[in-house]
Amino acid sequence: MPKKLALLSVSDKSGLADFARALVKEHGYTLISTGGTARALADAGLAVTEVGQHTGFPEIMDGRVKTLHPKVHGGLLCRRDRPEHLAQAAANGIELIDLVVVNLYPFEQTVARPGVELEEAIENIDIGGPSMLRSAAKNHASVTVVCEPGDYPTVLEAMRGGPQALAELRRGLALKVFQKTAAYDAAISRYLESRELAPDLDALGGFPQALALSWRRAQLLRYGENPHQKAALYGSFHDHFEQLQGKELSYNNILDITSATYLIGEFERPTVAILKHTNPCGVASAETLEEAWAGAYATDRQAPFGGIIIVNRTMDGALAAQIAEIFTEVIIAPRFSPEAMAALGRKKNLRLMTAKGGIGADALQELRSVVGGVLVQDRDRTLGDPAQFRVVTKRQPSRDEWDSMLFGWKVCKHVKSNAIVYCRGERTLGIGAGQMARVDSSRIAVWKAGEAGLDLKGSVVVSEALFPFADGLVAAAQAGATAAIQPGGSVRDEEVVRAADERGMAMVFTGIRHFRH
């Protein structure tokens, strides 16, 4: 009876010795291995044949060529149901390999290190590993292929269950291999694109001709935006956040957490932001989080019901006790004090999240699905340069108006368009979002402020995009605003400026738009 061969070549050696020992003692495998893996197996007291001995060809070129040999790939790719394949294997001295254990050089971990040089990154591109994995996965009808240490117990259990159990497992393992190698190639492609080595990069924007996307499923979600929609989370979201308590995150929670994190990252002073359906409904900065909470919550005491609250300082017990009085879905903070955890812990369903890397997680690009593909754009990461903003009215803004406008400019950037925000000091007074006409967003913001009992006299009005007509500006003036900040650029700019001058308002053009479609 021909011996059963297992080829092992791994960078991650966790659990390797125990798995290999079970292969030998329980299932009669003979081990073939390479370099450091062979040494680790030998140190564990296991008999192992170096791959160079098996092929009759030494490792050369600093190990770049060791498993790229017909005795390896022939042993993997030979179809056991084809007599001509078996005859050719025998004629060429090729022994069949029944099991392969390979995990790849840690390319992504290597290039994630600060200051890594291109040469080191290139040397961590695995060639032999993916080749063996793909050969074994292609022939999974006969070959068991393992690319992750976490699968060792599952493989041993299937082996104990007999040939049928192992055959069923092989299909899933083969799929995992092709997913793994696709993700690996995508990571290499993204890195080389970032180093501007790809010849097909769009010289105008740095967008490649072919977009390589690959994310591992992180979690199945209960449903999507609505209960009849299935959904899942992919990628490294959980590397950025830790959930301390509460129900499992939903699709909508994850969208809200992302929006909240981008918004709070704009602020340095103690700040509280309340969001609903990814839109801010109250934001304030102050000397303390408690003061900021009072300002943010006063903007709209109704919308925060079932919303998201985020702060950029440690949440203490006093603030937690106030927040605990209302129903919220998620609270995000850099840290929670023990007293805060005690106050909020009584609400078992309330999701408490900490940001592992600090509040203000970032992303360079955004993707959005469209019919037949995806749109990719750079994330809107700038507020513009205030030194380049232009006062276009006869009256200059006061210092207080300037401060309020710059605060509101940060908030308005994160409100769905058409967006209007009224501010005074470092707090919002009224927010209007997502209307088809800008004047309607202004009216909604004024109405919301009125509902909250907030006086807009002496406020500033912020528009994330230009005022196409004077009506929105006039409505703001009638509500009590004394200054406005907007991008400018309308064919009716003169009309809008004239309306501001007639009402004694100050107005600033930023020259930059923050439209959110």
Protein backbone atom coordinates (compact mmCIF):
# COMPACT_ATOMS: atom_id res chain seq x y z
CA MET A 1 0.00 0.00 0.00
CA PRO A 2 1.51 3.38 -0.97
CA LYS A 3 2.43 5.61 1.92
CA LYS A 4 0.32 8.67 2.67
CA LEU A 5 2.29 11.88 2.29
CA ALA A 6 1.55 15.17 4.01
CA LEU A 7 3.44 18.30 2.93
CA LEU A 8 3.68 21.01 5.60
CA SER A 9 5.14 24.49 5.04
CA VAL A 10 3.86 27.25 7.32
CA SER A 11 4.83 30.67 8.63
CA ASP A 12 2.31 30.45 11.50
CA LYS A 13 3.39 27.43 13.52
CA SER A 14 0.67 27.60 16.19
CA GLY A 15 -0.80 24.14 16.78
CA LEU A 16 1.44 22.63 14.11
CA ALA A 17 3.27 20.03 16.20
CA ASP A 18 0.11 18.60 17.75
CA PHE A 19 -1.62 18.44 14.36
CA ALA A 20 1.37 16.77 12.70
CA ARG A 21 1.68 14.29 15.57
CA ALA A 22 -1.97 13.29 15.12
CA LEU A 23 -1.44 12.87 11.38
CA VAL A 24 1.45 10.50 12.00
CA LYS A 25 0.20 8.51 14.99
CA GLU A 26 -3.54 8.35 14.27
CA HIS A 27 -3.63 8.37 10.47
CA GLY A 28 -0.28 6.99 9.32
CA TYR A 29 1.04 9.99 7.37
CA THR A 30 4.67 10.51 6.43
CA LEU A 31 5.74 14.14 6.74
CA ILE A 32 7.50 16.26 4.13
CA SER A 33 8.43 19.80 5.01
CA THR A 34 10.55 22.87 4.28
CA GLY A 35 13.10 24.98 6.14
CA GLY A 36 11.86 26.36 9.44
CA THR A 37 8.76 24.16 9.45
CA ALA A 38 10.92 21.02 9.12
CA ARG A 39 13.11 22.19 12.01
CA ALA A 40 10.04 22.86 14.19
CA LEU A 41 8.68 19.39 13.49
CA ALA A 42 12.03 17.75 14.17
CA ASP A 43 12.36 19.70 17.43
CA ALA A 44 8.95 18.30 18.40
CA GLY A 45 10.38 14.77 17.98
CA LEU A 46 8.70 13.98 14.67
CA ALA A 47 10.34 12.23 11.72
CA VAL A 48 10.31 14.56 8.73
CA THR A 49 11.79 14.55 5.21
CA GLU A 50 13.12 17.83 3.85
CA VAL A 51 11.46 18.79 0.57
CA GLY A 52 14.88 18.93 -1.11
CA GLN A 53 15.43 15.26 -0.25
CA HIS A 54 11.97 14.42 -1.57
CA THR A 55 12.48 16.19 -4.92
CA GLY A 56 16.19 15.53 -5.27
CA PHE A 57 16.64 19.24 -5.92
CA PRO A 58 18.07 21.63 -3.33
CA GLU A 59 16.47 24.86 -2.11
CA ILE A 60 18.14 27.66 -4.08
CA MET A 61 18.11 31.42 -4.45
CA ASP A 62 17.64 32.14 -0.73
CA GLY A 63 14.69 29.77 -0.60
CA ARG A 64 12.82 31.43 -3.46
CA VAL A 65 12.84 28.06 -5.27
CA LYS A 66 12.13 25.00 -3.15
CA THR A 67 8.64 23.60 -3.78
CA LEU A 68 8.29 24.67 -7.43
CA HIS A 69 9.06 21.19 -8.70
CA PRO A 70 7.16 18.46 -10.65
CA LYS A 71 7.53 16.02 -7.74
CA VAL A 72 5.57 18.46 -5.59
CA HIS A 73 2.98 19.71 -8.06
CA GLY A 74 2.70 16.40 -9.88
CA GLY A 75 2.04 14.74 -6.54
CA LEU A 76 -0.71 17.28 -5.86
CA LEU A 77 -2.34 17.56 -9.28
CA CYS A 78 -2.35 13.89 -10.33
CA ARG A 79 -5.94 12.69 -10.73
CA ARG A 80 -6.36 9.41 -8.93
CA ASP A 81 -9.23 8.42 -11.23
CA ARG A 82 -7.14 8.72 -14.40
CA PRO A 83 -4.93 5.65 -15.12
CA GLU A 84 -2.78 7.70 -17.50
CA HIS A 85 -2.08 10.24 -14.73
CA LEU A 86 -1.08 7.48 -12.34
CA ALA A 87 1.12 5.85 -14.97
CA GLN A 88 2.89 9.14 -15.74
CA ALA A 89 3.44 9.73 -12.02
CA ALA A 90 4.98 6.28 -11.61
CA ALA A 91 7.16 6.68 -14.70
CA ASN A 92 8.56 9.94 -13.37
CA GLY A 93 9.05 8.85 -9.79
CA ILE A 94 6.31 11.13 -8.48
CA GLU A 95 4.77 10.09 -5.17
CA LEU A 96 1.21 11.24 -4.53
CA ILE A 97 0.69 13.86 -1.84
CA ASP A 98 -2.60 13.48 0.00
CA LEU A 99 -2.55 16.45 2.37
CA VAL A 100 -1.05 19.93 2.21
CA VAL A 101 -0.74 22.39 5.11
CA VAL A 102 0.40 25.83 4.00
CA ASN A 103 -0.08 29.33 5.32
CA LEU A 104 1.45 32.25 3.52
CA TYR A 105 4.25 34.68 4.22
CA PRO A 106 2.76 37.50 6.36
CA PHE A 107 2.70 40.09 3.58
CA GLU A 108 -0.06 42.27 5.01
CA GLN A 109 1.52 42.35 8.48
CA THR A 110 4.86 43.23 6.91
CA VAL A 111 3.64 46.20 4.87
CA ALA A 112 1.52 47.46 7.79
CA ARG A 113 4.68 48.14 9.82
CA PRO A 114 5.80 51.79 9.77
CA GLY A 115 8.78 52.44 7.55
CA VAL A 116 8.86 49.07 5.80
CA GLU A 117 11.05 49.18 2.70
CA LEU A 118 9.87 48.04 -0.71
CA GLU A 119 12.55 45.33 -0.92
CA GLU A 120 11.37 43.72 2.33
CA ALA A 121 7.78 43.84 1.12
CA ILE A 122 8.73 42.16 -2.16
CA GLU A 123 10.59 39.38 -0.33
CA ASN A 124 7.43 38.68 1.66
CA ILE A 125 5.41 37.94 -1.47
CA ASP A 126 4.87 34.20 -1.26
CA ILE A 127 5.12 32.29 -4.56
CA GLY A 128 5.49 28.64 -3.66
CA GLY A 129 2.81 28.74 -0.95
CA PRO A 130 -0.05 30.00 -3.14
CA SER A 131 1.06 27.64 -5.91
CA MET A 132 0.84 24.59 -3.65
CA LEU A 133 -2.45 25.73 -2.17
CA ARG A 134 -4.00 26.25 -5.58
CA SER A 135 -2.72 22.93 -6.93
CA ALA A 136 -4.11 21.08 -3.92
CA ALA A 137 -7.40 22.98 -3.99
CA LYS A 138 -7.87 22.27 -7.70
CA ASN A 139 -7.49 18.56 -6.96
CA HIS A 140 -9.55 18.64 -3.75
CA ALA A 141 -11.39 15.50 -4.82
CA SER A 142 -8.27 13.66 -3.68
CA VAL A 143 -6.18 16.13 -1.70
CA THR A 144 -6.96 17.74 1.66
CA VAL A 145 -5.69 21.31 1.78
CA VAL A 146 -5.40 23.35 4.98
CA CYS A 147 -4.53 27.05 4.91
CA GLU A 148 -5.40 28.12 8.47
CA PRO A 149 -4.33 26.62 11.83
CA GLY A 150 -7.88 27.05 13.08
CA ASP A 151 -8.97 24.25 10.74
CA TYR A 152 -6.66 21.59 12.25
CA PRO A 153 -9.27 20.21 14.71
CA THR A 154 -11.97 20.14 12.01
CA VAL A 155 -9.71 18.17 9.65
CA LEU A 156 -8.80 15.61 12.32
CA GLU A 157 -12.46 15.19 13.26
CA ALA A 158 -13.39 14.62 9.60
CA MET A 159 -10.60 12.07 9.21
CA ARG A 160 -11.97 10.18 12.19
CA GLY A 161 -15.42 10.31 10.57
CA GLY A 162 -14.28 8.41 7.51
CA PRO A 163 -13.70 9.07 3.78
CA GLN A 164 -17.16 10.58 3.13
CA ALA A 165 -16.84 13.14 5.93
CA LEU A 166 -13.38 14.12 4.72
CA ALA A 167 -14.54 14.42 1.10
CA GLU A 168 -17.33 16.80 2.13
CA LEU A 169 -14.91 18.92 4.17
CA ARG A 170 -12.43 19.13 1.28
CA ARG A 171 -14.86 21.15 -0.83
CA GLY A 172 -15.15 23.83 1.83
CA LEU A 173 -11.39 23.85 2.43
CA ALA A 174 -10.75 24.30 -1.30
CA LEU A 175 -13.12 27.25 -1.46
CA LYS A 176 -11.34 28.81 1.51
CA VAL A 177 -8.02 28.45 -0.32
CA PHE A 178 -9.19 30.34 -3.39
CA GLN A 179 -10.70 33.04 -1.18
CA LYS A 180 -7.43 33.25 0.75
CA THR A 181 -5.19 33.47 -2.31
CA ALA A 182 -7.50 36.02 -3.94
CA ALA A 183 -7.31 38.20 -0.82
CA TYR A 184 -3.53 37.75 -0.72
CA ASP A 185 -3.13 38.84 -4.33
CA ALA A 186 -5.47 41.79 -3.72
CA ALA A 187 -3.33 42.90 -0.76
CA ILE A 188 -0.19 42.79 -2.90
CA SER A 189 -1.94 44.71 -5.68
CA ARG A 190 -3.14 47.40 -3.25
CA TYR A 191 0.33 47.79 -1.78
CA LEU A 192 2.03 48.12 -5.16
CA GLU A 193 -0.63 50.63 -6.23
CA SER A 194 0.07 52.65 -3.10
CA ARG A 195 3.76 52.66 -4.02
CA GLU A 196 2.81 53.82 -7.53
CA LEU A 197 4.47 50.85 -9.15
CA ALA A 198 1.49 49.70 -11.19
CA PRO A 199 1.85 50.85 -14.83
CA ASP A 200 -1.92 51.17 -15.32
CA LEU A 201 -2.54 53.73 -12.58
CA ASP A 202 -4.66 56.66 -13.66
CA ALA A 203 -2.13 59.49 -13.63
CA LEU A 204 -4.87 62.01 -12.81
CA GLY A 205 -6.25 60.33 -9.73
CA GLY A 206 -4.32 57.22 -8.73
CA PHE A 207 -7.25 54.89 -9.43
CA PRO A 208 -6.20 51.56 -11.00
CA GLN A 209 -7.66 50.18 -14.20
CA ALA A 210 -8.60 47.00 -12.31
CA LEU A 211 -9.93 47.28 -8.76
CA ALA A 212 -8.90 44.38 -6.51
CA LEU A 213 -11.28 44.00 -3.57
CA SER A 214 -11.23 41.22 -1.03
CA TRP A 215 -12.55 41.19 2.53
CA ARG A 216 -13.09 38.32 4.94
CA ARG A 217 -16.59 38.01 6.37
CA ALA A 218 -16.44 39.37 9.91
CA GLN A 219 -20.00 38.66 10.97
CA LEU A 220 -23.42 37.63 9.72
CA LEU A 221 -25.98 40.26 10.69
CA ARG A 222 -29.53 39.54 11.80
CA TYR A 223 -30.80 41.51 8.81
CA GLY A 224 -30.02 44.59 6.73
CA GLU A 225 -31.71 47.98 6.76
CA ASN A 226 -35.06 46.15 7.04
CA PRO A 227 -35.94 42.72 8.43
CA HIS A 228 -36.61 41.23 4.98
CA GLN A 229 -33.06 42.04 3.78
CA LYS A 230 -30.15 39.68 4.50
CA ALA A 231 -26.83 41.27 5.42
CA ALA A 232 -23.25 40.57 6.52
CA LEU A 233 -20.24 42.62 7.63
CA TYR A 234 -16.90 42.17 5.87
CA GLY A 235 -13.45 43.51 6.63
CA SER A 236 -11.70 44.78 9.77
CA PHE A 237 -14.44 46.81 11.48
CA HIS A 238 -13.94 44.82 14.69
CA ASP A 239 -10.23 45.69 14.70
CA HIS A 240 -11.25 49.31 15.28
CA PHE A 241 -13.99 48.89 17.88
CA GLU A 242 -14.61 46.75 20.94
CA GLN A 243 -18.14 46.09 22.15
CA LEU A 244 -18.32 46.08 25.94
CA GLN A 245 -21.98 45.14 26.37
CA GLY A 246 -25.36 45.06 24.66
CA LYS A 247 -27.11 43.35 21.80
CA GLU A 248 -25.30 42.30 18.65
CA LEU A 249 -24.63 45.20 16.29
CA SER A 250 -27.08 45.66 13.44
CA TYR A 251 -26.50 46.83 9.88
CA ASN A 252 -27.88 50.28 10.73
CA ASN A 253 -25.82 50.46 13.95
CA ILE A 254 -22.63 49.92 11.97
CA LEU A 255 -23.51 52.69 9.51
CA ASP A 256 -24.29 55.04 12.39
CA ILE A 257 -21.09 54.18 14.27
CA THR A 258 -19.05 54.92 11.14
CA SER A 259 -20.73 58.29 10.61
CA ALA A 260 -20.39 59.19 14.29
CA THR A 261 -16.70 58.33 14.33
CA TYR A 262 -15.94 60.45 11.27
CA LEU A 263 -17.88 63.38 12.73
CA ILE A 264 -16.29 63.37 16.19
CA GLY A 265 -12.84 63.17 14.61
CA GLU A 266 -13.25 66.81 13.50
CA PHE A 267 -13.13 68.11 17.09
CA GLU A 268 -10.33 68.53 19.63
CA ARG A 269 -12.16 70.10 22.58
CA PRO A 270 -14.50 67.95 24.72
CA THR A 271 -17.38 67.21 22.35
CA VAL A 272 -20.63 65.27 22.34
CA ALA A 273 -22.46 64.37 19.14
CA ILE A 274 -25.86 62.74 18.85
CA LEU A 275 -26.78 61.10 15.52
CA LYS A 276 -29.87 59.50 14.05
CA HIS A 277 -29.88 57.67 10.72
CA THR A 278 -26.25 58.82 10.14
CA ASN A 279 -27.25 62.52 10.49
CA PRO A 280 -26.13 64.71 13.41
CA CYS A 281 -29.12 65.96 15.38
CA GLY A 282 -27.12 67.73 18.09
CA VAL A 283 -23.42 68.58 18.51
CA ALA A 284 -21.64 70.73 21.09
CA SER A 285 -18.13 71.38 22.39
CA ALA A 286 -17.37 72.81 25.84
CA GLU A 287 -14.91 72.76 28.73
CA THR A 288 -16.41 69.47 29.98
CA LEU A 289 -18.38 66.63 28.44
CA GLU A 290 -21.31 67.36 30.75
CA GLU A 291 -21.56 70.91 29.42
CA ALA A 292 -21.21 69.63 25.87
CA TRP A 293 -23.95 67.06 26.49
CA ALA A 294 -26.31 69.78 27.71
CA GLY A 295 -25.77 71.78 24.51
CA ALA A 296 -26.01 68.81 22.14
CA TYR A 297 -29.11 67.32 23.75
CA ALA A 298 -30.88 70.69 23.92
CA THR A 299 -30.72 70.97 20.11
CA ASP A 300 -33.29 68.22 19.70
CA ARG A 301 -34.71 66.25 22.64
CA GLN A 302 -36.87 64.04 20.44
CA ALA A 303 -34.61 62.77 17.65
CA PRO A 304 -32.00 61.19 19.99
CA PHE A 305 -34.57 58.55 21.01
CA GLY A 306 -33.06 55.36 19.63
CA GLY A 307 -30.02 57.24 18.32
CA ILE A 308 -26.24 57.10 18.65
CA ILE A 309 -24.18 59.14 21.13
CA ILE A 310 -20.44 59.61 20.76
CA VAL A 311 -17.97 61.49 22.97
CA ASN A 312 -14.25 62.17 22.55
CA ARG A 313 -13.22 61.91 26.19
CA THR A 314 -13.60 59.23 28.87
CA MET A 315 -17.25 59.03 29.87
CA ASP A 316 -17.65 59.38 33.63
CA GLY A 317 -20.45 58.29 35.92
CA ALA A 318 -22.18 61.69 36.14
CA LEU A 319 -22.60 62.01 32.38
CA ALA A 320 -23.53 58.33 32.03
CA ALA A 321 -26.30 58.79 34.59
CA GLN A 322 -27.81 61.62 32.53
CA ILE A 323 -27.60 59.70 29.27
CA ALA A 324 -29.08 56.61 30.90
CA GLU A 325 -32.35 58.51 31.35
CA ILE A 326 -33.10 58.31 27.60
CA PHE A 327 -33.29 55.35 25.25
CA THR A 328 -30.28 55.08 22.97
CA GLU A 329 -29.05 52.26 20.73
CA VAL A 330 -25.28 52.81 20.93
CA ILE A 331 -22.84 54.89 23.00
CA ILE A 332 -19.25 55.28 21.79
CA ALA A 333 -16.34 56.62 23.85
CA PRO A 334 -12.56 56.21 24.02
CA ARG A 335 -13.11 54.73 27.50
CA PHE A 336 -15.85 54.35 30.13
CA SER A 337 -15.10 54.84 33.81
CA PRO A 338 -16.17 52.07 36.22
CA GLU A 339 -18.94 54.38 37.45
CA ALA A 340 -20.15 54.91 33.87
CA MET A 341 -20.16 51.17 33.26
CA ALA A 342 -22.22 50.68 36.40
CA ALA A 343 -24.73 53.37 35.41
CA LEU A 344 -25.12 52.10 31.85
CA GLY A 345 -24.72 48.41 32.63
CA ARG A 346 -28.26 48.22 33.97
CA LYS A 347 -29.47 48.63 30.37
CA LYS A 348 -28.47 45.20 29.13
CA ASN A 349 -29.42 45.82 25.49
CA LEU A 350 -27.54 49.12 25.24
CA ARG A 351 -24.47 48.70 23.06
CA LEU A 352 -21.34 50.27 24.55
CA MET A 353 -18.41 50.64 22.15
CA THR A 354 -14.83 51.75 22.62
CA ALA A 355 -12.64 52.85 19.75
CA LYS A 356 -9.43 50.81 20.00
CA GLY A 357 -7.29 53.28 18.06
CA GLY A 358 -8.86 56.38 19.57
CA ILE A 359 -11.87 58.36 18.43
CA GLY A 360 -11.66 59.59 14.85
CA ALA A 361 -10.99 56.42 12.84
CA ASP A 362 -10.12 57.25 9.26
CA ALA A 363 -10.41 55.80 5.78
CA LEU A 364 -8.80 57.03 2.59
CA GLN A 365 -11.48 55.97 0.13
CA GLU A 366 -15.18 55.24 0.02
CA LEU A 367 -16.96 52.65 -2.11
CA ARG A 368 -20.60 52.64 -3.09
CA SER A 369 -22.40 49.99 -5.10
CA VAL A 370 -24.15 51.01 -8.31
CA VAL A 371 -25.80 49.06 -11.12
CA GLY A 372 -23.10 46.83 -12.57
CA GLY A 373 -20.24 47.91 -10.33
CA VAL A 374 -18.97 50.29 -7.67
CA LEU A 375 -18.10 53.96 -7.39
CA VAL A 376 -14.83 54.78 -5.64
CA GLN A 377 -13.88 58.20 -4.34
CA ASP A 378 -11.42 59.78 -1.94
CA ARG A 379 -13.10 60.39 1.40
CA ASP A 380 -13.91 64.04 2.13
CA ARG A 381 -11.15 64.59 4.68
CA THR A 382 -10.60 68.35 4.49
CA LEU A 383 -12.42 71.34 5.89
CA GLY A 384 -10.54 73.73 3.65
CA ASP A 385 -8.12 76.40 4.83
CA PRO A 386 -9.86 79.14 6.88
CA ALA A 387 -7.05 81.49 5.90
CA GLN A 388 -8.30 81.19 2.32
CA PHE A 389 -11.97 81.78 3.16
CA ARG A 390 -13.30 85.11 1.79
CA VAL A 391 -15.57 87.62 3.46
CA VAL A 392 -17.82 88.77 0.60
CA THR A 393 -20.14 91.18 2.43
CA LYS A 394 -19.66 94.76 3.53
CA ARG A 395 -19.70 93.73 7.18
CA GLN A 396 -16.91 91.60 8.60
CA PRO A 397 -17.90 88.76 10.93
CA SER A 398 -17.21 89.31 14.62
CA ARG A 399 -14.77 87.00 16.41
CA ASP A 400 -17.69 85.12 17.99
CA GLU A 401 -19.37 84.74 14.59
CA TRP A 402 -16.15 83.39 13.09
CA ASP A 403 -15.83 80.81 15.88
CA SER A 404 -19.47 79.73 15.48
CA MET A 405 -19.16 79.46 11.70
CA LEU A 406 -16.03 77.32 11.89
CA PHE A 407 -17.70 75.04 14.45
CA GLY A 408 -20.81 74.75 12.29
CA TRP A 409 -18.71 74.11 9.19
CA LYS A 410 -17.34 70.97 10.86
CA VAL A 411 -20.83 69.74 11.70
CA CYS A 412 -22.49 70.61 8.40
CA LYS A 413 -19.89 68.59 6.50
CA HIS A 414 -21.46 65.46 8.04
CA VAL A 415 -25.14 66.31 7.43
CA LYS A 416 -26.89 64.78 4.41
CA SER A 417 -27.52 67.29 1.62
CA ASN A 418 -29.18 69.62 1.25
CA ALA A 419 -27.85 70.59 4.68
CA ILE A 420 -28.37 73.66 6.85
CA VAL A 421 -27.03 74.09 10.39
CA TYR A 422 -27.69 76.97 12.80
CA CYS A 423 -25.11 77.48 15.54
CA ARG A 424 -24.24 79.86 18.32
CA GLY A 425 -20.98 79.44 20.16
CA GLU A 426 -19.80 75.84 19.98
CA ARG A 427 -23.21 74.21 19.80
CA THR A 428 -25.91 73.49 17.26
CA LEU A 429 -29.32 75.14 17.52
CA GLY A 430 -31.15 73.65 14.54
CA ILE A 431 -30.28 71.16 11.80
CA GLY A 432 -32.09 70.59 8.50
CA ALA A 433 -31.02 67.64 6.36
CA GLY A 434 -31.72 65.87 3.10
CA GLN A 435 -34.28 68.18 1.51
CA MET A 436 -34.70 68.64 -2.21
CA ALA A 437 -34.67 72.46 -1.84
CA ARG A 438 -32.11 74.20 0.37
CA VAL A 439 -34.68 76.68 1.63
CA ASP A 440 -36.72 73.74 2.95
CA SER A 441 -33.71 72.47 4.92
CA SER A 442 -33.44 75.96 6.40
CA ARG A 443 -37.12 76.00 7.31
CA ILE A 444 -36.85 72.60 8.98
CA ALA A 445 -33.82 73.72 10.98
CA VAL A 446 -35.70 76.83 12.12
CA TRP A 447 -38.76 74.75 13.03
CA LYS A 448 -36.63 72.24 14.98
CA ALA A 449 -35.00 75.07 16.91
CA GLY A 450 -38.43 76.46 17.71
CA GLU A 451 -39.64 73.05 18.87
CA ALA A 452 -36.64 72.90 21.20
CA GLY A 453 -37.34 76.39 22.52
CA LEU A 454 -34.06 77.76 21.16
CA ASP A 455 -33.77 81.38 20.02
CA LEU A 456 -31.89 81.80 16.72
CA LYS A 457 -31.30 85.52 17.27
CA GLY A 458 -27.59 86.19 16.82
CA SER A 459 -26.92 82.74 15.40
CA VAL A 460 -24.88 81.84 12.32
CA VAL A 461 -26.19 79.74 9.45
CA VAL A 462 -24.02 77.15 7.70
CA SER A 463 -24.67 75.62 4.29
CA GLU A 464 -22.49 72.77 3.03
CA ALA A 465 -23.15 73.77 -0.61
CA LEU A 466 -23.89 77.06 -2.34
CA PHE A 467 -27.12 79.01 -1.95
CA PRO A 468 -28.58 78.78 -5.48
CA PHE A 469 -31.05 81.56 -4.70
CA ALA A 470 -31.31 84.28 -2.11
CA ASP A 471 -34.40 82.69 -0.53
CA GLY A 472 -32.43 80.41 1.80
CA LEU A 473 -30.29 83.30 3.01
CA VAL A 474 -33.34 85.52 3.49
CA ALA A 475 -35.08 82.77 5.49
CA ALA A 476 -32.02 82.53 7.74
CA ALA A 477 -31.97 86.28 8.30
CA GLN A 478 -35.66 86.27 9.16
CA ALA A 479 -34.97 83.51 11.69
CA GLY A 480 -32.38 85.71 13.42
CA ALA A 481 -29.06 84.64 11.86
CA THR A 482 -26.49 87.44 11.64
CA ALA A 483 -23.78 85.65 9.66
CA ALA A 484 -23.55 82.88 7.05
CA ILE A 485 -20.85 80.59 5.74
CA GLN A 486 -21.16 78.70 2.45
CA PRO A 487 -18.97 77.59 -0.47
CA GLY A 488 -20.14 80.24 -2.95
CA GLY A 489 -19.96 79.67 -6.70
CA SER A 490 -23.58 80.21 -7.70
CA VAL A 491 -24.43 82.20 -10.83
CA ARG A 492 -26.58 84.21 -8.42
CA ASP A 493 -23.83 84.89 -5.88
CA GLU A 494 -24.21 88.65 -6.37
CA GLU A 495 -27.92 88.40 -5.60
CA VAL A 496 -27.22 86.37 -2.44
CA VAL A 497 -24.48 88.74 -1.27
CA ARG A 498 -26.73 91.72 -1.92
CA ALA A 499 -29.49 90.12 0.19
CA ALA A 500 -26.99 89.65 3.03
CA ASP A 501 -25.79 93.25 2.80
CA GLU A 502 -29.35 94.56 2.81
CA ARG A 503 -29.92 92.74 6.10
CA GLY A 504 -26.61 93.68 7.70
CA MET A 505 -25.37 90.10 7.64
CA ALA A 506 -21.77 89.01 7.31
CA MET A 507 -21.09 86.19 4.85
CA VAL A 508 -18.05 84.04 4.16
CA PHE A 509 -17.29 82.00 1.03
CA THR A 510 -15.13 78.91 1.69
CA GLY A 511 -14.58 77.87 -1.93
CA ILE A 512 -15.02 74.22 -0.96
CA ARG A 513 -18.19 72.11 -0.99
CA HIS A 514 -19.10 69.21 1.31
CA PHE A 515 -22.05 67.69 -0.52
CA ARG A 516 -23.29 64.32 0.81
CA HIS A 517 -25.56 62.64 -1.72
